[in-house]
C-alpha atoms as a PDB file:
ATOM      1  CA  UNK A   1      16.384 -21.551  -1.741  1.00  0.00           C
ATOM      2  CA  UNK A   2      13.552 -21.839  -4.298  1.00  0.00           C
ATOM      3  CA  UNK A   3      12.421 -25.281  -4.480  1.00  0.00           C
ATOM      4  CA  UNK A   4      11.512 -25.606  -8.190  1.00  0.00           C
ATOM      5  CA  UNK A   5      10.522 -23.709 -11.224  1.00  0.00           C
ATOM      6  CA  UNK A   6      12.900 -21.523 -13.297  1.00  0.00           C
ATOM      7  CA  UNK A   7      14.845 -18.569 -11.620  1.00  0.00           C
ATOM      8  CA  UNK A   8      15.216 -15.506 -13.344  1.00  0.00           C
ATOM      9  CA  UNK A   9      18.106 -12.994 -13.242  1.00  0.00           C
ATOM     10  CA  UNK A  10      16.655 -10.125 -10.957  1.00  0.00           C
ATOM     11  CA  UNK A  11      18.944  -7.582 -12.760  1.00  0.00           C
ATOM     12  CA  UNK A  12      16.928  -8.626 -16.003  1.00  0.00           C
ATOM     13  CA  UNK A  13      13.672  -7.271 -14.577  1.00  0.00           C
ATOM     14  CA  UNK A  14      12.811  -4.116 -16.135  1.00  0.00           C
ATOM     15  CA  UNK A  15      13.179  -0.897 -13.928  1.00  0.00           C
ATOM     16  CA  UNK A  16      11.375   2.238 -13.768  1.00  0.00           C
ATOM     17  CA  UNK A  17      13.727   5.374 -12.815  1.00  0.00           C
ATOM     18  CA  UNK A  18      11.846   7.821 -10.478  1.00  0.00           C
ATOM     19  CA  UNK A  19      12.509  11.517 -10.463  1.00  0.00           C
ATOM     20  CA  UNK A  20      14.341  11.187  -7.228  1.00  0.00           C
ATOM     21  CA  UNK A  21      16.779   8.742  -8.863  1.00  0.00           C
ATOM     22  CA  UNK A  22      15.531   5.570  -7.255  1.00  0.00           C
ATOM     23  CA  UNK A  23      14.695   2.645  -9.480  1.00  0.00           C
ATOM     24  CA  UNK A  24      11.828   0.582  -8.967  1.00  0.00           C
ATOM     25  CA  UNK A  25      11.272  -2.947 -10.557  1.00  0.00           C
ATOM     26  CA  UNK A  26       8.494  -2.849 -13.152  1.00  0.00           C
ATOM     27  CA  UNK A  27       7.541  -6.412 -12.033  1.00  0.00           C
ATOM     28  CA  UNK A  28       6.398  -7.324  -8.497  1.00  0.00           C
ATOM     29  CA  UNK A  29       4.395  -9.755  -6.274  1.00  0.00           C
ATOM     30  CA  UNK A  30       1.211  -8.591  -4.720  1.00  0.00           C
ATOM     31  CA  UNK A  31       0.466  -9.936  -1.263  1.00  0.00           C
ATOM     32  CA  UNK A  32      -3.053  -9.726  -1.093  1.00  0.00           C
ATOM     33  CA  UNK A  33      -4.662 -13.311  -0.358  1.00  0.00           C
ATOM     34  CA  UNK A  34      -6.703 -12.840   2.619  1.00  0.00           C
ATOM     35  CA  UNK A  35      -9.753 -13.848   0.796  1.00  0.00           C
ATOM     36  CA  UNK A  36      -8.541 -17.298  -0.286  1.00  0.00           C
ATOM     37  CA  UNK A  37      -4.958 -18.167   1.410  1.00  0.00           C
ATOM     38  CA  UNK A  38      -3.579 -17.957   4.816  1.00  0.00           C
ATOM     39  CA  UNK A  39      -0.939 -15.310   5.645  1.00  0.00           C
ATOM     40  CA  UNK A  40       1.617 -18.208   5.986  1.00  0.00           C
ATOM     41  CA  UNK A  41       0.927 -19.028   2.461  1.00  0.00           C
ATOM     42  CA  UNK A  42       1.326 -15.600   1.412  1.00  0.00           C
ATOM     43  CA  UNK A  43       4.855 -15.420   3.289  1.00  0.00           C
ATOM     44  CA  UNK A  44       5.818 -18.598   1.488  1.00  0.00           C
ATOM     45  CA  UNK A  45       5.046 -17.272  -1.772  1.00  0.00           C
ATOM     46  CA  UNK A  46       7.173 -14.113  -0.997  1.00  0.00           C
ATOM     47  CA  UNK A  47      10.002 -16.437   0.038  1.00  0.00           C
ATOM     48  CA  UNK A  48       9.643 -18.352  -3.258  1.00  0.00           C
ATOM     49  CA  UNK A  49       9.170 -15.312  -5.495  1.00  0.00           C
ATOM     50  CA  UNK A  50      12.482 -13.626  -3.977  1.00  0.00           C
ATOM     51  CA  UNK A  51      14.115 -16.941  -4.821  1.00  0.00           C
ATOM     52  CA  UNK A  52      12.922 -16.967  -8.286  1.00  0.00           C
ATOM     53  CA  UNK A  53      14.212 -13.412  -8.814  1.00  0.00           C
ATOM     54  CA  UNK A  54      11.459 -11.094  -7.615  1.00  0.00           C
ATOM     55  CA  UNK A  55      12.653  -7.891  -5.714  1.00  0.00           C
ATOM     56  CA  UNK A  56       9.462  -5.812  -5.662  1.00  0.00           C
ATOM     57  CA  UNK A  57       6.759  -6.678  -3.242  1.00  0.00           C
ATOM     58  CA  UNK A  58       3.428  -4.873  -2.864  1.00  0.00           C
ATOM     59  CA  UNK A  59       1.918  -5.092   0.698  1.00  0.00           C
ATOM     60  CA  UNK A  60      -0.947  -3.401   2.624  1.00  0.00           C
ATOM     61  CA  UNK A  61      -1.939  -3.408   6.311  1.00  0.00           C
ATOM     62  CA  UNK A  62      -5.540  -4.356   5.516  1.00  0.00           C
ATOM     63  CA  UNK A  63      -4.431  -7.655   3.964  1.00  0.00           C
ATOM     64  CA  UNK A  64      -3.719  -8.764   7.446  1.00  0.00           C
ATOM     65  CA  UNK A  65      -0.530 -10.610   6.643  1.00  0.00           C
ATOM     66  CA  UNK A  66       2.348  -7.986   7.148  1.00  0.00           C
ATOM     67  CA  UNK A  67       3.586  -9.774  10.127  1.00  0.00           C
ATOM     68  CA  UNK A  68       4.029 -13.045   8.067  1.00  0.00           C
ATOM     69  CA  UNK A  69       5.340 -11.190   5.201  1.00  0.00           C
ATOM     70  CA  UNK A  70       7.757  -9.375   7.477  1.00  0.00           C
ATOM     71  CA  UNK A  71       9.049 -12.763   8.501  1.00  0.00           C
ATOM     72  CA  UNK A  72       9.450 -13.766   4.935  1.00  0.00           C
ATOM     73  CA  UNK A  73      11.234 -10.573   4.110  1.00  0.00           C
ATOM     74  CA  UNK A  74      13.800 -11.064   7.026  1.00  0.00           C
ATOM     75  CA  UNK A  75      14.299 -14.558   5.913  1.00  0.00           C
ATOM     76  CA  UNK A  76      14.889 -13.232   2.454  1.00  0.00           C
ATOM     77  CA  UNK A  77      17.378 -10.550   3.657  1.00  0.00           C
ATOM     78  CA  UNK A  78      19.208 -13.338   5.975  1.00  0.00           C
ATOM     79  CA  UNK A  79      19.682 -15.582   2.937  1.00  0.00           C
ATOM     80  CA  UNK A  80      21.869 -12.831   1.291  1.00  0.00           C
ATOM     81  CA  UNK A  81      19.605 -10.327  -0.566  1.00  0.00           C
ATOM     82  CA  UNK A  82      20.279  -7.047   0.441  1.00  0.00           C
ATOM     83  CA  UNK A  83      17.449  -4.610   1.604  1.00  0.00           C
ATOM     84  CA  UNK A  84      18.510  -2.027  -0.898  1.00  0.00           C
ATOM     85  CA  UNK A  85      17.957  -4.476  -3.755  1.00  0.00           C
ATOM     86  CA  UNK A  86      14.226  -4.748  -2.659  1.00  0.00           C
ATOM     87  CA  UNK A  87      11.467  -2.582  -3.183  1.00  0.00           C
ATOM     88  CA  UNK A  88       8.654  -2.882  -0.584  1.00  0.00           C
ATOM     89  CA  UNK A  89       5.467  -0.833  -0.956  1.00  0.00           C
ATOM     90  CA  UNK A  90       2.743  -0.720   1.728  1.00  0.00           C
ATOM     91  CA  UNK A  91      -0.416   1.227   1.959  1.00  0.00           C
ATOM     92  CA  UNK A  92      -2.239   3.295   4.237  1.00  0.00           C
ATOM     93  CA  UNK A  93      -5.993   1.797   4.720  1.00  0.00           C
ATOM     94  CA  UNK A  94      -9.253   3.860   4.247  1.00  0.00           C
ATOM     95  CA  UNK A  95     -10.085   3.916   8.065  1.00  0.00           C
ATOM     96  CA  UNK A  96      -6.668   5.560   8.963  1.00  0.00           C
ATOM     97  CA  UNK A  97      -6.862   8.880   6.957  1.00  0.00           C
ATOM     98  CA  UNK A  98      -7.191  10.971  10.163  1.00  0.00           C
ATOM     99  CA  UNK A  99      -4.254  13.232  10.984  1.00  0.00           C
ATOM    100  CA  UNK A 100      -3.286  11.248  14.135  1.00  0.00           C
ATOM    101  CA  UNK A 101      -3.485   7.923  12.150  1.00  0.00           C
ATOM    102  CA  UNK A 102      -1.363   8.130   9.299  1.00  0.00           C
ATOM    103  CA  UNK A 103       2.239   8.255  10.934  1.00  0.00           C
ATOM    104  CA  UNK A 104       1.212   5.529  13.619  1.00  0.00           C
ATOM    105  CA  UNK A 105      -0.222   3.323  10.745  1.00  0.00           C
ATOM    106  CA  UNK A 106       2.905   3.519   8.602  1.00  0.00           C
ATOM    107  CA  UNK A 107       5.086   2.790  11.735  1.00  0.00           C
ATOM    108  CA  UNK A 108       2.828  -0.423  12.463  1.00  0.00           C
ATOM    109  CA  UNK A 109       3.459  -1.459   8.900  1.00  0.00           C
ATOM    110  CA  UNK A 110       7.267  -0.873   9.332  1.00  0.00           C
ATOM    111  CA  UNK A 111       7.314  -3.003  12.499  1.00  0.00           C
ATOM    112  CA  UNK A 112       5.161  -5.578  11.101  1.00  0.00           C
ATOM    113  CA  UNK A 113       7.100  -5.909   8.033  1.00  0.00           C
ATOM    114  CA  UNK A 114      10.416  -5.801  10.307  1.00  0.00           C
ATOM    115  CA  UNK A 115      11.745  -2.867   8.005  1.00  0.00           C
ATOM    116  CA  UNK A 116      13.566   0.419   8.847  1.00  0.00           C
ATOM    117  CA  UNK A 117      12.203   1.977   5.775  1.00  0.00           C
ATOM    118  CA  UNK A 118       9.510   1.535   2.857  1.00  0.00           C
ATOM    119  CA  UNK A 119      10.368   2.339  -0.456  1.00  0.00           C
ATOM    120  CA  UNK A 120       6.734   3.568  -1.414  1.00  0.00           C
ATOM    121  CA  UNK A 121       3.678   4.279   1.001  1.00  0.00           C
ATOM    122  CA  UNK A 122       0.257   4.926  -0.686  1.00  0.00           C
ATOM    123  CA  UNK A 123      -3.037   5.826   0.314  1.00  0.00           C
ATOM    124  CA  UNK A 124      -4.967   2.530  -0.597  1.00  0.00           C
ATOM    125  CA  UNK A 125      -8.393   4.016  -1.158  1.00  0.00           C
ATOM    126  CA  UNK A 126      -9.236   7.613  -2.159  1.00  0.00           C
ATOM    127  CA  UNK A 127     -11.877   8.148   0.467  1.00  0.00           C
ATOM    128  CA  UNK A 128     -12.216   7.009   4.135  1.00  0.00           C
ATOM    129  CA  UNK A 129     -14.665   4.054   4.593  1.00  0.00           C
ATOM    130  CA  UNK A 130     -14.509   1.272   7.189  1.00  0.00           C
ATOM    131  CA  UNK A 131     -14.756  -2.070   5.501  1.00  0.00           C
ATOM    132  CA  UNK A 132     -15.462  -4.703   8.102  1.00  0.00           C
ATOM    133  CA  UNK A 133     -13.448  -8.125   7.726  1.00  0.00           C
ATOM    134  CA  UNK A 134     -15.234 -10.275   5.008  1.00  0.00           C
ATOM    135  CA  UNK A 135     -17.550  -7.598   3.881  1.00  0.00           C
ATOM    136  CA  UNK A 136     -18.707  -7.132   0.056  1.00  0.00           C
ATOM    137  CA  UNK A 137     -16.528  -4.749  -1.680  1.00  0.00           C
ATOM    138  CA  UNK A 138     -19.575  -2.502  -2.456  1.00  0.00           C
ATOM    139  CA  UNK A 139     -20.051  -2.088   1.393  1.00  0.00           C
ATOM    140  CA  UNK A 140     -20.369   1.610   2.371  1.00  0.00           C
ATOM    141  CA  UNK A 141     -20.219   3.138   5.851  1.00  0.00           C
ATOM    142  CA  UNK A 142     -22.691   5.985   6.755  1.00  0.00           C
ATOM    143  CA  UNK A 143     -19.663   8.418   7.188  1.00  0.00           C
ATOM    144  CA  UNK A 144     -17.771   7.489   3.987  1.00  0.00           C
ATOM    145  CA  UNK A 145     -17.327  10.237   1.460  1.00  0.00           C
ATOM    146  CA  UNK A 146     -14.610  11.384  -0.990  1.00  0.00           C
ATOM    147  CA  UNK A 147     -12.234  13.844  -0.190  1.00  0.00           C
ATOM    148  CA  UNK A 148     -14.253  16.508  -2.135  1.00  0.00           C
ATOM    149  CA  UNK A 149     -17.033  15.869   0.612  1.00  0.00           C
ATOM    150  CA  UNK A 150     -19.697  14.577  -1.873  1.00  0.00           C
ATOM    151  CA  UNK A 151     -21.514  11.521  -0.913  1.00  0.00           C
ATOM    152  CA  UNK A 152     -20.454   8.045  -2.290  1.00  0.00           C
END
């Protein structure tokens, strides 16, 4: 269980109703941390946030921690929070926009997160561009261009 701090009633978190009828918690925890914390620390934050009442978790394959976050999510579910009470987002990284890469990347995120489904799967960046680990955010590959074909 949560080892300190105040818990909130997860039912009190504002929800956004989507056109599909699904409801999404308006407040969530982002799991990016690869620039300053370990995947294990992010997983610990996920477990603590769930114990505190968070139900929305924003993930991405490029964060390099989906296997650890998946372990934390399984722990949360084992502790009694139902999967349907969670809203899990992941994202397609910008070097996986190819027709043969999208489904495989989504399946890898599902496997890493130990889930049967995602509530939302987004395109992380609007144009393909490989970013090597640790690169500056302004880094651009020679082949990168927005979907409209103009150079970056």
